[in-house]
């Protein structure tokens, strides 16, 4: 929790720059773990492209298992060698609106 608090301003800036000027996104996060970056990515995308738009984008976590996203134009593919992280990453995706 201490790291996330310290890294918060840096991550907000980083993900804002990542999505800036790109109407569609396809993001691969290798080593997604519990998905702590998903909230930053979703928030930056929402800020740049509007909030909660229903769309055809989808989020994939682990071995092709898919989750729907409410963010039009955003696709996140996450992978991690530790399958025990899957439920945590899935919940982080849901919490982020993905």
PDB file of N, CA and C in Angstrom:
ATOM      1  N   UNK A   1       0.828  -1.193   0.000  1.00  0.00           N
ATOM      2  CA  UNK A   1       0.000   0.000   0.000  1.00  0.00           C
ATOM      3  C   UNK A   1       0.873   1.258   0.000  1.00  0.00           C
ATOM      4  N   UNK A   2       1.994   1.191   0.687  1.00  0.00           N
ATOM      5  CA  UNK A   2       2.882   2.352   0.743  1.00  0.00           C
ATOM      6  C   UNK A   2       3.456   2.671  -0.639  1.00  0.00           C
ATOM      7  N   UNK A   3       3.846   1.631  -1.376  1.00  0.00           N
ATOM      8  CA  UNK A   3       4.375   1.838  -2.718  1.00  0.00           C
ATOM      9  C   UNK A   3       3.323   2.468  -3.617  1.00  0.00           C
ATOM     10  N   UNK A   4       2.104   1.939  -3.595  1.00  0.00           N
ATOM     11  CA  UNK A   4       1.045   2.474  -4.452  1.00  0.00           C
ATOM     12  C   UNK A   4       0.782   3.946  -4.142  1.00  0.00           C
ATOM     13  N   UNK A   5       0.799   4.321  -2.880  1.00  0.00           N
ATOM     14  CA  UNK A   5       0.603   5.727  -2.514  1.00  0.00           C
ATOM     15  C   UNK A   5       1.731   6.600  -3.062  1.00  0.00           C
ATOM     16  N   UNK A   6       2.946   6.122  -2.927  1.00  0.00           N
ATOM     17  CA  UNK A   6       4.098   6.891  -3.408  1.00  0.00           C
ATOM     18  C   UNK A   6       4.114   6.973  -4.934  1.00  0.00           C
ATOM     19  N   UNK A   7       3.705   5.903  -5.594  1.00  0.00           N
ATOM     20  CA  UNK A   7       3.747   5.851  -7.060  1.00  0.00           C
ATOM     21  C   UNK A   7       2.528   6.483  -7.718  1.00  0.00           C
ATOM     22  N   UNK A   8       1.488   6.783  -6.967  1.00  0.00           N
ATOM     23  CA  UNK A   8       0.232   7.288  -7.522  1.00  0.00           C
ATOM     24  C   UNK A   8       0.421   8.463  -8.487  1.00  0.00           C
ATOM     25  N   UNK A   9       1.085   9.558  -8.100  1.00  0.00           N
ATOM     26  CA  UNK A   9       1.213  10.691  -9.038  1.00  0.00           C
ATOM     27  C   UNK A   9       1.960  10.311 -10.319  1.00  0.00           C
ATOM     28  N   UNK A  10       2.982   9.506 -10.177  1.00  0.00           N
ATOM     29  CA  UNK A  10       3.763   9.076 -11.329  1.00  0.00           C
ATOM     30  C   UNK A  10       2.922   8.221 -12.267  1.00  0.00           C
ATOM     31  N   UNK A  11       2.131   7.292 -11.709  1.00  0.00           N
ATOM     32  CA  UNK A  11       1.296   6.421 -12.535  1.00  0.00           C
ATOM     33  C   UNK A  11       0.185   7.197 -13.236  1.00  0.00           C
ATOM     34  N   UNK A  12      -0.415   8.156 -12.556  1.00  0.00           N
ATOM     35  CA  UNK A  12      -1.450   8.987 -13.187  1.00  0.00           C
ATOM     36  C   UNK A  12      -0.864   9.679 -14.411  1.00  0.00           C
ATOM     37  N   UNK A  13       0.302  10.271 -14.257  1.00  0.00           N
ATOM     38  CA  UNK A  13       0.960  10.964 -15.367  1.00  0.00           C
ATOM     39  C   UNK A  13       1.349   9.989 -16.482  1.00  0.00           C
ATOM     40  N   UNK A  14       1.919   8.860 -16.121  1.00  0.00           N
ATOM     41  CA  UNK A  14       2.357   7.863 -17.092  1.00  0.00           C
ATOM     42  C   UNK A  14       1.200   7.362 -17.946  1.00  0.00           C
ATOM     43  N   UNK A  15       0.111   6.940 -17.323  1.00  0.00           N
ATOM     44  CA  UNK A  15      -0.998   6.381 -18.089  1.00  0.00           C
ATOM     45  C   UNK A  15      -1.757   7.449 -18.857  1.00  0.00           C
ATOM     46  N   UNK A  16      -1.766   8.665 -18.362  1.00  0.00           N
ATOM     47  CA  UNK A  16      -2.377   9.767 -19.104  1.00  0.00           C
ATOM     48  C   UNK A  16      -1.623  10.000 -20.411  1.00  0.00           C
ATOM     49  N   UNK A  17      -0.307   9.973 -20.343  1.00  0.00           N
ATOM     50  CA  UNK A  17       0.510  10.140 -21.552  1.00  0.00           C
ATOM     51  C   UNK A  17       0.360   8.955 -22.495  1.00  0.00           C
ATOM     52  N   UNK A  18       0.188   7.766 -21.943  1.00  0.00           N
ATOM     53  CA  UNK A  18       0.055   6.567 -22.759  1.00  0.00           C
ATOM     54  C   UNK A  18      -1.185   6.620 -23.644  1.00  0.00           C
ATOM     55  N   UNK A  19      -2.293   7.115 -23.128  1.00  0.00           N
ATOM     56  CA  UNK A  19      -3.543   7.108 -23.900  1.00  0.00           C
ATOM     57  C   UNK A  19      -3.793   8.402 -24.663  1.00  0.00           C
ATOM     58  N   UNK A  20      -3.011   9.417 -24.407  1.00  0.00           N
ATOM     59  CA  UNK A  20      -3.228  10.726 -25.020  1.00  0.00           C
ATOM     60  C   UNK A  20      -3.208  10.650 -26.540  1.00  0.00           C
ATOM     61  N   UNK A  21      -4.284  11.151 -27.156  1.00  0.00           N
ATOM     62  CA  UNK A  21      -4.354  11.238 -28.609  1.00  0.00           C
ATOM     63  C   UNK A  21      -4.605   9.924 -29.322  1.00  0.00           C
ATOM     64  N   UNK A  22      -4.923   8.889 -28.589  1.00  0.00           N
ATOM     65  CA  UNK A  22      -5.177   7.580 -29.204  1.00  0.00           C
ATOM     66  C   UNK A  22      -6.630   7.179 -28.937  1.00  0.00           C
ATOM     67  N   UNK A  23      -7.494   7.239 -29.941  1.00  0.00           N
ATOM     68  CA  UNK A  23      -8.904   6.916 -29.724  1.00  0.00           C
ATOM     69  C   UNK A  23      -9.152   5.441 -29.418  1.00  0.00           C
ATOM     70  N   UNK A  24      -8.281   4.577 -29.915  1.00  0.00           N
ATOM     71  CA  UNK A  24      -8.404   3.159 -29.580  1.00  0.00           C
ATOM     72  C   UNK A  24      -7.098   2.708 -28.954  1.00  0.00           C
ATOM     73  N   UNK A  25      -7.223   1.757 -28.055  1.00  0.00           N
ATOM     74  CA  UNK A  25      -6.064   1.278 -27.310  1.00  0.00           C
ATOM     75  C   UNK A  25      -6.078  -0.238 -27.289  1.00  0.00           C
ATOM     76  N   UNK A  26      -4.934  -0.829 -27.492  1.00  0.00           N
ATOM     77  CA  UNK A  26      -4.749  -2.247 -27.224  1.00  0.00           C
ATOM     78  C   UNK A  26      -3.491  -2.345 -26.375  1.00  0.00           C
ATOM     79  N   UNK A  27      -3.673  -2.695 -25.133  1.00  0.00           N
ATOM     80  CA  UNK A  27      -2.595  -2.683 -24.152  1.00  0.00           C
ATOM     81  C   UNK A  27      -2.279  -4.114 -23.732  1.00  0.00           C
ATOM     82  N   UNK A  28      -1.008  -4.452 -23.709  1.00  0.00           N
ATOM     83  CA  UNK A  28      -0.535  -5.730 -23.180  1.00  0.00           C
ATOM     84  C   UNK A  28       0.247  -5.437 -21.913  1.00  0.00           C
ATOM     85  N   UNK A  29      -0.201  -5.998 -20.813  1.00  0.00           N
ATOM     86  CA  UNK A  29       0.567  -5.865 -19.576  1.00  0.00           C
ATOM     87  C   UNK A  29       1.107  -7.242 -19.219  1.00  0.00           C
ATOM     88  N   UNK A  30       2.429  -7.371 -19.296  1.00  0.00           N
ATOM     89  CA  UNK A  30       3.104  -8.623 -18.968  1.00  0.00           C
ATOM     90  C   UNK A  30       3.453  -8.574 -17.488  1.00  0.00           C
ATOM     91  N   UNK A  31       3.063  -9.615 -16.772  1.00  0.00           N
ATOM     92  CA  UNK A  31       3.264  -9.625 -15.329  1.00  0.00           C
ATOM     93  C   UNK A  31       2.223  -8.767 -14.636  1.00  0.00           C
ATOM     94  N   UNK A  32       0.967  -8.957 -15.000  1.00  0.00           N
ATOM     95  CA  UNK A  32      -0.114  -8.108 -14.492  1.00  0.00           C
ATOM     96  C   UNK A  32      -0.338  -8.288 -12.988  1.00  0.00           C
ATOM     97  N   UNK A  33       0.044  -9.417 -12.448  1.00  0.00           N
ATOM     98  CA  UNK A  33      -0.121  -9.651 -11.011  1.00  0.00           C
ATOM     99  C   UNK A  33      -1.561  -9.487 -10.581  1.00  0.00           C
ATOM    100  N   UNK A  34      -1.786  -8.663  -9.572  1.00  0.00           N
ATOM    101  CA  UNK A  34      -3.138  -8.427  -9.064  1.00  0.00           C
ATOM    102  C   UNK A  34      -3.859  -7.325  -9.828  1.00  0.00           C
ATOM    103  N   UNK A  35      -3.198  -6.740 -10.815  1.00  0.00           N
ATOM    104  CA  UNK A  35      -3.828  -5.717 -11.658  1.00  0.00           C
ATOM    105  C   UNK A  35      -3.851  -4.315 -11.087  1.00  0.00           C
ATOM    106  N   UNK A  36      -2.836  -3.905 -10.333  1.00  0.00           N
ATOM    107  CA  UNK A  36      -2.889  -2.573  -9.722  1.00  0.00           C
ATOM    108  C   UNK A  36      -2.855  -1.421 -10.722  1.00  0.00           C
ATOM    109  N   UNK A  37      -2.384  -1.659 -11.936  1.00  0.00           N
ATOM    110  CA  UNK A  37      -2.321  -0.578 -12.933  1.00  0.00           C
ATOM    111  C   UNK A  37      -3.619  -0.402 -13.712  1.00  0.00           C
ATOM    112  N   UNK A  38      -4.531  -1.347 -13.621  1.00  0.00           N
ATOM    113  CA  UNK A  38      -5.762  -1.280 -14.403  1.00  0.00           C
ATOM    114  C   UNK A  38      -6.592  -0.045 -14.068  1.00  0.00           C
ATOM    115  N   UNK A  39      -6.625   0.323 -12.793  1.00  0.00           N
ATOM    116  CA  UNK A  39      -7.410   1.507 -12.412  1.00  0.00           C
ATOM    117  C   UNK A  39      -6.836   2.778 -13.023  1.00  0.00           C
ATOM    118  N   UNK A  40      -5.525   2.855 -13.128  1.00  0.00           N
ATOM    119  CA  UNK A  40      -4.894   4.038 -13.720  1.00  0.00           C
ATOM    120  C   UNK A  40      -5.152   4.096 -15.225  1.00  0.00           C
ATOM    121  N   UNK A  41      -5.057   2.953 -15.874  1.00  0.00           N
ATOM    122  CA  UNK A  41      -5.299   2.881 -17.312  1.00  0.00           C
ATOM    123  C   UNK A  41      -6.745   3.238 -17.639  1.00  0.00           C
ATOM    124  N   UNK A  42      -7.685   2.663 -16.905  1.00  0.00           N
ATOM    125  CA  UNK A  42      -9.099   2.939 -17.146  1.00  0.00           C
ATOM    126  C   UNK A  42      -9.434   4.404 -16.886  1.00  0.00           C
ATOM    127  N   UNK A  43      -8.915   4.954 -15.811  1.00  0.00           N
ATOM    128  CA  UNK A  43      -9.193   6.362 -15.482  1.00  0.00           C
ATOM    129  C   UNK A  43      -8.631   7.296 -16.544  1.00  0.00           C
ATOM    130  N   UNK A  44      -7.428   7.029 -17.014  1.00  0.00           N
ATOM    131  CA  UNK A  44      -6.822   7.869 -18.055  1.00  0.00           C
ATOM    132  C   UNK A  44      -7.618   7.770 -19.351  1.00  0.00           C
ATOM    133  N   UNK A  45      -8.047   6.569 -19.702  1.00  0.00           N
ATOM    134  CA  UNK A  45      -8.826   6.374 -20.931  1.00  0.00           C
ATOM    135  C   UNK A  45     -10.169   7.105 -20.815  1.00  0.00           C
ATOM    136  N   UNK A  46     -10.834   6.969 -19.665  1.00  0.00           N
ATOM    137  CA  UNK A  46     -12.109   7.651 -19.450  1.00  0.00           C
ATOM    138  C   UNK A  46     -11.945   9.165 -19.550  1.00  0.00           C
ATOM    139  N   UNK A  47     -10.885   9.670 -18.963  1.00  0.00           N
ATOM    140  CA  UNK A  47     -10.629  11.116 -18.982  1.00  0.00           C
ATOM    141  C   UNK A  47     -10.417  11.616 -20.412  1.00  0.00           C
ATOM    142  N   UNK A  48      -9.703  10.857 -21.213  1.00  0.00           N
ATOM    143  CA  UNK A  48      -9.397  11.254 -22.584  1.00  0.00           C
ATOM    144  C   UNK A  48     -10.568  11.063 -23.541  1.00  0.00           C
ATOM    145  N   UNK A  49     -11.393  10.038 -23.292  1.00  0.00           N
ATOM    146  CA  UNK A  49     -12.367   9.615 -24.302  1.00  0.00           C
ATOM    147  C   UNK A  49     -13.803   9.546 -23.811  1.00  0.00           C
ATOM    148  N   UNK A  50     -14.096  10.041 -22.646  1.00  0.00           N
ATOM    149  CA  UNK A  50     -15.461  10.000 -22.138  1.00  0.00           C
ATOM    150  C   UNK A  50     -15.665   8.848 -21.177  1.00  0.00           C
ATOM    151  N   UNK A  51     -16.618   8.992 -20.310  1.00  0.00           N
ATOM    152  CA  UNK A  51     -16.826   8.027 -19.232  1.00  0.00           C
ATOM    153  C   UNK A  51     -17.875   6.991 -19.571  1.00  0.00           C
ATOM    154  N   UNK A  52     -17.601   5.738 -19.270  1.00  0.00           N
ATOM    155  CA  UNK A  52     -18.576   4.676 -19.271  1.00  0.00           C
ATOM    156  C   UNK A  52     -19.305   4.420 -20.574  1.00  0.00           C
ATOM    157  N   UNK A  53     -18.656   4.630 -21.708  1.00  0.00           N
ATOM    158  CA  UNK A  53     -19.320   4.375 -22.989  1.00  0.00           C
ATOM    159  C   UNK A  53     -19.366   2.876 -23.254  1.00  0.00           C
ATOM    160  N   UNK A  54     -20.547   2.375 -23.601  1.00  0.00           N
ATOM    161  CA  UNK A  54     -20.674   0.966 -23.942  1.00  0.00           C
ATOM    162  C   UNK A  54     -20.031   0.740 -25.301  1.00  0.00           C
ATOM    163  N   UNK A  55     -19.236  -0.285 -25.443  1.00  0.00           N
ATOM    164  CA  UNK A  55     -18.560  -0.499 -26.714  1.00  0.00           C
ATOM    165  C   UNK A  55     -18.240  -1.946 -26.962  1.00  0.00           C
ATOM    166  N   UNK A  56     -17.466  -2.171 -28.000  1.00  0.00           N
ATOM    167  CA  UNK A  56     -17.154  -3.538 -28.395  1.00  0.00           C
ATOM    168  C   UNK A  56     -15.794  -3.991 -27.887  1.00  0.00           C
ATOM    169  N   UNK A  57     -15.091  -3.131 -27.181  1.00  0.00           N
ATOM    170  CA  UNK A  57     -13.778  -3.526 -26.678  1.00  0.00           C
ATOM    171  C   UNK A  57     -13.944  -4.569 -25.581  1.00  0.00           C
ATOM    172  N   UNK A  58     -12.907  -5.336 -25.376  1.00  0.00           N
ATOM    173  CA  UNK A  58     -12.968  -6.327 -24.315  1.00  0.00           C
ATOM    174  C   UNK A  58     -11.624  -6.415 -23.625  1.00  0.00           C
ATOM    175  N   UNK A  59     -11.655  -6.935 -22.416  1.00  0.00           N
ATOM    176  CA  UNK A  59     -10.442  -7.110 -21.640  1.00  0.00           C
ATOM    177  C   UNK A  59     -10.172  -8.598 -21.505  1.00  0.00           C
ATOM    178  N   UNK A  60      -8.947  -9.005 -21.766  1.00  0.00           N
ATOM    179  CA  UNK A  60      -8.581 -10.410 -21.654  1.00  0.00           C
ATOM    180  C   UNK A  60      -7.559 -10.542 -20.537  1.00  0.00           C
ATOM    181  N   UNK A  61      -7.786 -11.488 -19.662  1.00  0.00           N
ATOM    182  CA  UNK A  61      -6.845 -11.764 -18.591  1.00  0.00           C
ATOM    183  C   UNK A  61      -6.554 -13.256 -18.586  1.00  0.00           C
ATOM    184  N   UNK A  62      -5.299 -13.630 -18.748  1.00  0.00           N
ATOM    185  CA  UNK A  62      -4.867 -15.000 -18.609  1.00  0.00           C
ATOM    186  C   UNK A  62      -5.475 -15.926 -19.654  1.00  0.00           C
ATOM    187  N   UNK A  63      -4.688 -16.555 -20.392  1.00  0.00           N
ATOM    188  CA  UNK A  63      -5.020 -17.663 -21.272  1.00  0.00           C
ATOM    189  C   UNK A  63      -6.340 -17.482 -22.029  1.00  0.00           C
ATOM    190  N   UNK A  64      -6.596 -16.289 -22.519  1.00  0.00           N
ATOM    191  CA  UNK A  64      -7.746 -16.065 -23.372  1.00  0.00           C
ATOM    192  C   UNK A  64      -9.082 -15.949 -22.664  1.00  0.00           C
ATOM    193  N   UNK A  65      -9.125 -16.030 -21.345  1.00  0.00           N
ATOM    194  CA  UNK A  65     -10.387 -15.847 -20.648  1.00  0.00           C
ATOM    195  C   UNK A  65     -10.726 -14.370 -20.687  1.00  0.00           C
ATOM    196  N   UNK A  66     -11.959 -14.039 -21.022  1.00  0.00           N
ATOM    197  CA  UNK A  66     -12.301 -12.657 -21.331  1.00  0.00           C
ATOM    198  C   UNK A  66     -13.267 -12.060 -20.326  1.00  0.00           C
ATOM    199  N   UNK A  67     -13.152 -10.767 -20.172  1.00  0.00           N
ATOM    200  CA  UNK A  67     -14.095  -9.957 -19.413  1.00  0.00           C
ATOM    201  C   UNK A  67     -14.576  -8.846 -20.325  1.00  0.00           C
ATOM    202  N   UNK A  68     -15.816  -8.431 -20.186  1.00  0.00           N
ATOM    203  CA  UNK A  68     -16.323  -7.299 -20.962  1.00  0.00           C
ATOM    204  C   UNK A  68     -15.805  -6.004 -20.369  1.00  0.00           C
ATOM    205  N   UNK A  69     -15.750  -4.988 -21.193  1.00  0.00           N
ATOM    206  CA  UNK A  69     -15.377  -3.667 -20.706  1.00  0.00           C
ATOM    207  C   UNK A  69     -16.456  -2.673 -21.071  1.00  0.00           C
ATOM    208  N   UNK A  70     -16.584  -1.630 -20.284  1.00  0.00           N
ATOM    209  CA  UNK A  70     -17.531  -0.570 -20.575  1.00  0.00           C
ATOM    210  C   UNK A  70     -16.841   0.583 -21.295  1.00  0.00           C
ATOM    211  N   UNK A  71     -15.581   0.425 -21.593  1.00  0.00           N
ATOM    212  CA  UNK A  71     -14.811   1.506 -22.186  1.00  0.00           C
ATOM    213  C   UNK A  71     -14.615   1.248 -23.673  1.00  0.00           C
ATOM    214  N   UNK A  72     -15.310   1.997 -24.483  1.00  0.00           N
ATOM    215  CA  UNK A  72     -15.216   1.838 -25.930  1.00  0.00           C
ATOM    216  C   UNK A  72     -13.799   2.163 -26.389  1.00  0.00           C
ATOM    217  N   UNK A  73     -13.253   1.283 -27.211  1.00  0.00           N
ATOM    218  CA  UNK A  73     -11.941   1.529 -27.785  1.00  0.00           C
ATOM    219  C   UNK A  73     -10.775   1.096 -26.930  1.00  0.00           C
ATOM    220  N   UNK A  74     -11.031   0.414 -25.814  1.00  0.00           N
ATOM    221  CA  UNK A  74      -9.947  -0.024 -24.944  1.00  0.00           C
ATOM    222  C   UNK A  74      -9.958  -1.539 -24.829  1.00  0.00           C
ATOM    223  N   UNK A  75      -8.836  -2.150 -25.138  1.00  0.00           N
ATOM    224  CA  UNK A  75      -8.662  -3.589 -24.959  1.00  0.00           C
ATOM    225  C   UNK A  75      -7.399  -3.797 -24.140  1.00  0.00           C
ATOM    226  N   UNK A  76      -7.525  -4.527 -23.058  1.00  0.00           N
ATOM    227  CA  UNK A  76      -6.388  -4.813 -22.193  1.00  0.00           C
ATOM    228  C   UNK A  76      -6.175  -6.314 -22.176  1.00  0.00           C
ATOM    229  N   UNK A  77      -4.962  -6.720 -22.471  1.00  0.00           N
ATOM    230  CA  UNK A  77      -4.577  -8.122 -22.400  1.00  0.00           C
ATOM    231  C   UNK A  77      -3.515  -8.208 -21.318  1.00  0.00           C
ATOM    232  N   UNK A  78      -3.796  -9.006 -20.309  1.00  0.00           N
ATOM    233  CA  UNK A  78      -2.845  -9.162 -19.211  1.00  0.00           C
ATOM    234  C   UNK A  78      -2.429 -10.607 -19.091  1.00  0.00           C
ATOM    235  N   UNK A  79      -1.162 -10.832 -18.780  1.00  0.00           N
ATOM    236  CA  UNK A  79      -0.696 -12.200 -18.558  1.00  0.00           C
ATOM    237  C   UNK A  79       0.234 -12.216 -17.357  1.00  0.00           C
ATOM    238  N   UNK A  80       0.234 -13.340 -16.683  1.00  0.00           N
ATOM    239  CA  UNK A  80       1.079 -13.512 -15.510  1.00  0.00           C
ATOM    240  C   UNK A  80       1.342 -15.006 -15.346  1.00  0.00           C
ATOM    241  N   UNK A  81       2.557 -15.398 -15.018  1.00  0.00           N
ATOM    242  CA  UNK A  81       2.841 -16.822 -14.858  1.00  0.00           C
ATOM    243  C   UNK A  81       2.194 -17.429 -13.612  1.00  0.00           C
ATOM    244  N   UNK A  82       1.786 -16.597 -12.684  1.00  0.00           N
ATOM    245  CA  UNK A  82       1.202 -17.076 -11.436  1.00  0.00           C
ATOM    246  C   UNK A  82      -0.317 -17.061 -11.538  1.00  0.00           C
ATOM    247  N   UNK A  83      -0.905 -18.215 -11.802  1.00  0.00           N
ATOM    248  CA  UNK A  83      -2.350 -18.300 -11.976  1.00  0.00           C
ATOM    249  C   UNK A  83      -3.114 -17.926 -10.701  1.00  0.00           C
ATOM    250  N   UNK A  84      -2.463 -17.942  -9.564  1.00  0.00           N
ATOM    251  CA  UNK A  84      -3.125 -17.546  -8.318  1.00  0.00           C
ATOM    252  C   UNK A  84      -3.496 -16.063  -8.320  1.00  0.00           C
ATOM    253  N   UNK A  85      -2.884 -15.287  -9.191  1.00  0.00           N
ATOM    254  CA  UNK A  85      -3.187 -13.856  -9.288  1.00  0.00           C
ATOM    255  C   UNK A  85      -4.459 -13.583 -10.088  1.00  0.00           C
ATOM    256  N   UNK A  86      -4.932 -14.567 -10.857  1.00  0.00           N
ATOM    257  CA  UNK A  86      -6.061 -14.371 -11.760  1.00  0.00           C
ATOM    258  C   UNK A  86      -7.295 -13.789 -11.080  1.00  0.00           C
ATOM    259  N   UNK A  87      -7.782 -14.335  -9.969  1.00  0.00           N
ATOM    260  CA  UNK A  87      -9.000 -13.758  -9.400  1.00  0.00           C
ATOM    261  C   UNK A  87      -8.806 -12.315  -8.938  1.00  0.00           C
ATOM    262  N   UNK A  88      -7.621 -11.989  -8.482  1.00  0.00           N
ATOM    263  CA  UNK A  88      -7.346 -10.623  -8.032  1.00  0.00           C
ATOM    264  C   UNK A  88      -7.291  -9.654  -9.212  1.00  0.00           C
ATOM    265  N   UNK A  89      -6.664 -10.092 -10.297  1.00  0.00           N
ATOM    266  CA  UNK A  89      -6.599  -9.252 -11.502  1.00  0.00           C
ATOM    267  C   UNK A  89      -7.985  -9.067 -12.102  1.00  0.00           C
ATOM    268  N   UNK A  90      -8.770 -10.124 -12.118  1.00  0.00           N
ATOM    269  CA  UNK A  90     -10.140 -10.015 -12.631  1.00  0.00           C
ATOM    270  C   UNK A  90     -10.945  -9.015 -11.802  1.00  0.00           C
ATOM    271  N   UNK A  91     -10.810  -9.098 -10.481  1.00  0.00           N
ATOM    272  CA  UNK A  91     -11.548  -8.168  -9.631  1.00  0.00           C
ATOM    273  C   UNK A  91     -11.057  -6.743  -9.840  1.00  0.00           C
ATOM    274  N   UNK A  92      -9.760  -6.556 -10.017  1.00  0.00           N
ATOM    275  CA  UNK A  92      -9.226  -5.220 -10.297  1.00  0.00           C
ATOM    276  C   UNK A  92      -9.792  -4.683 -11.600  1.00  0.00           C
ATOM    277  N   UNK A  93      -9.956  -5.560 -12.596  1.00  0.00           N
ATOM    278  CA  UNK A  93     -10.538  -5.136 -13.881  1.00  0.00           C
ATOM    279  C   UNK A  93     -11.992  -4.708 -13.687  1.00  0.00           C
ATOM    280  N   UNK A  94     -12.742  -5.475 -12.930  1.00  0.00           N
ATOM    281  CA  UNK A  94     -14.143  -5.123 -12.655  1.00  0.00           C
ATOM    282  C   UNK A  94     -14.212  -3.791 -11.894  1.00  0.00           C
ATOM    283  N   UNK A  95     -13.373  -3.664 -10.869  1.00  0.00           N
ATOM    284  CA  UNK A  95     -13.354  -2.434 -10.069  1.00  0.00           C
ATOM    285  C   UNK A  95     -12.995  -1.215 -10.910  1.00  0.00           C
ATOM    286  N   UNK A  96     -12.165  -1.418 -11.931  1.00  0.00           N
ATOM    287  CA  UNK A  96     -11.747  -0.308 -12.801  1.00  0.00           C
ATOM    288  C   UNK A  96     -12.749  -0.012 -13.910  1.00  0.00           C
ATOM    289  N   UNK A  97     -13.787  -0.838 -14.015  1.00  0.00           N
ATOM    290  CA  UNK A  97     -14.785  -0.641 -15.053  1.00  0.00           C
ATOM    291  C   UNK A  97     -14.456  -1.348 -16.345  1.00  0.00           C
ATOM    292  N   UNK A  98     -13.536  -2.285 -16.286  1.00  0.00           N
ATOM    293  CA  UNK A  98     -13.142  -3.054 -17.471  1.00  0.00           C
ATOM    294  C   UNK A  98     -13.904  -4.364 -17.526  1.00  0.00           C
TER     295      UNK A  98
END
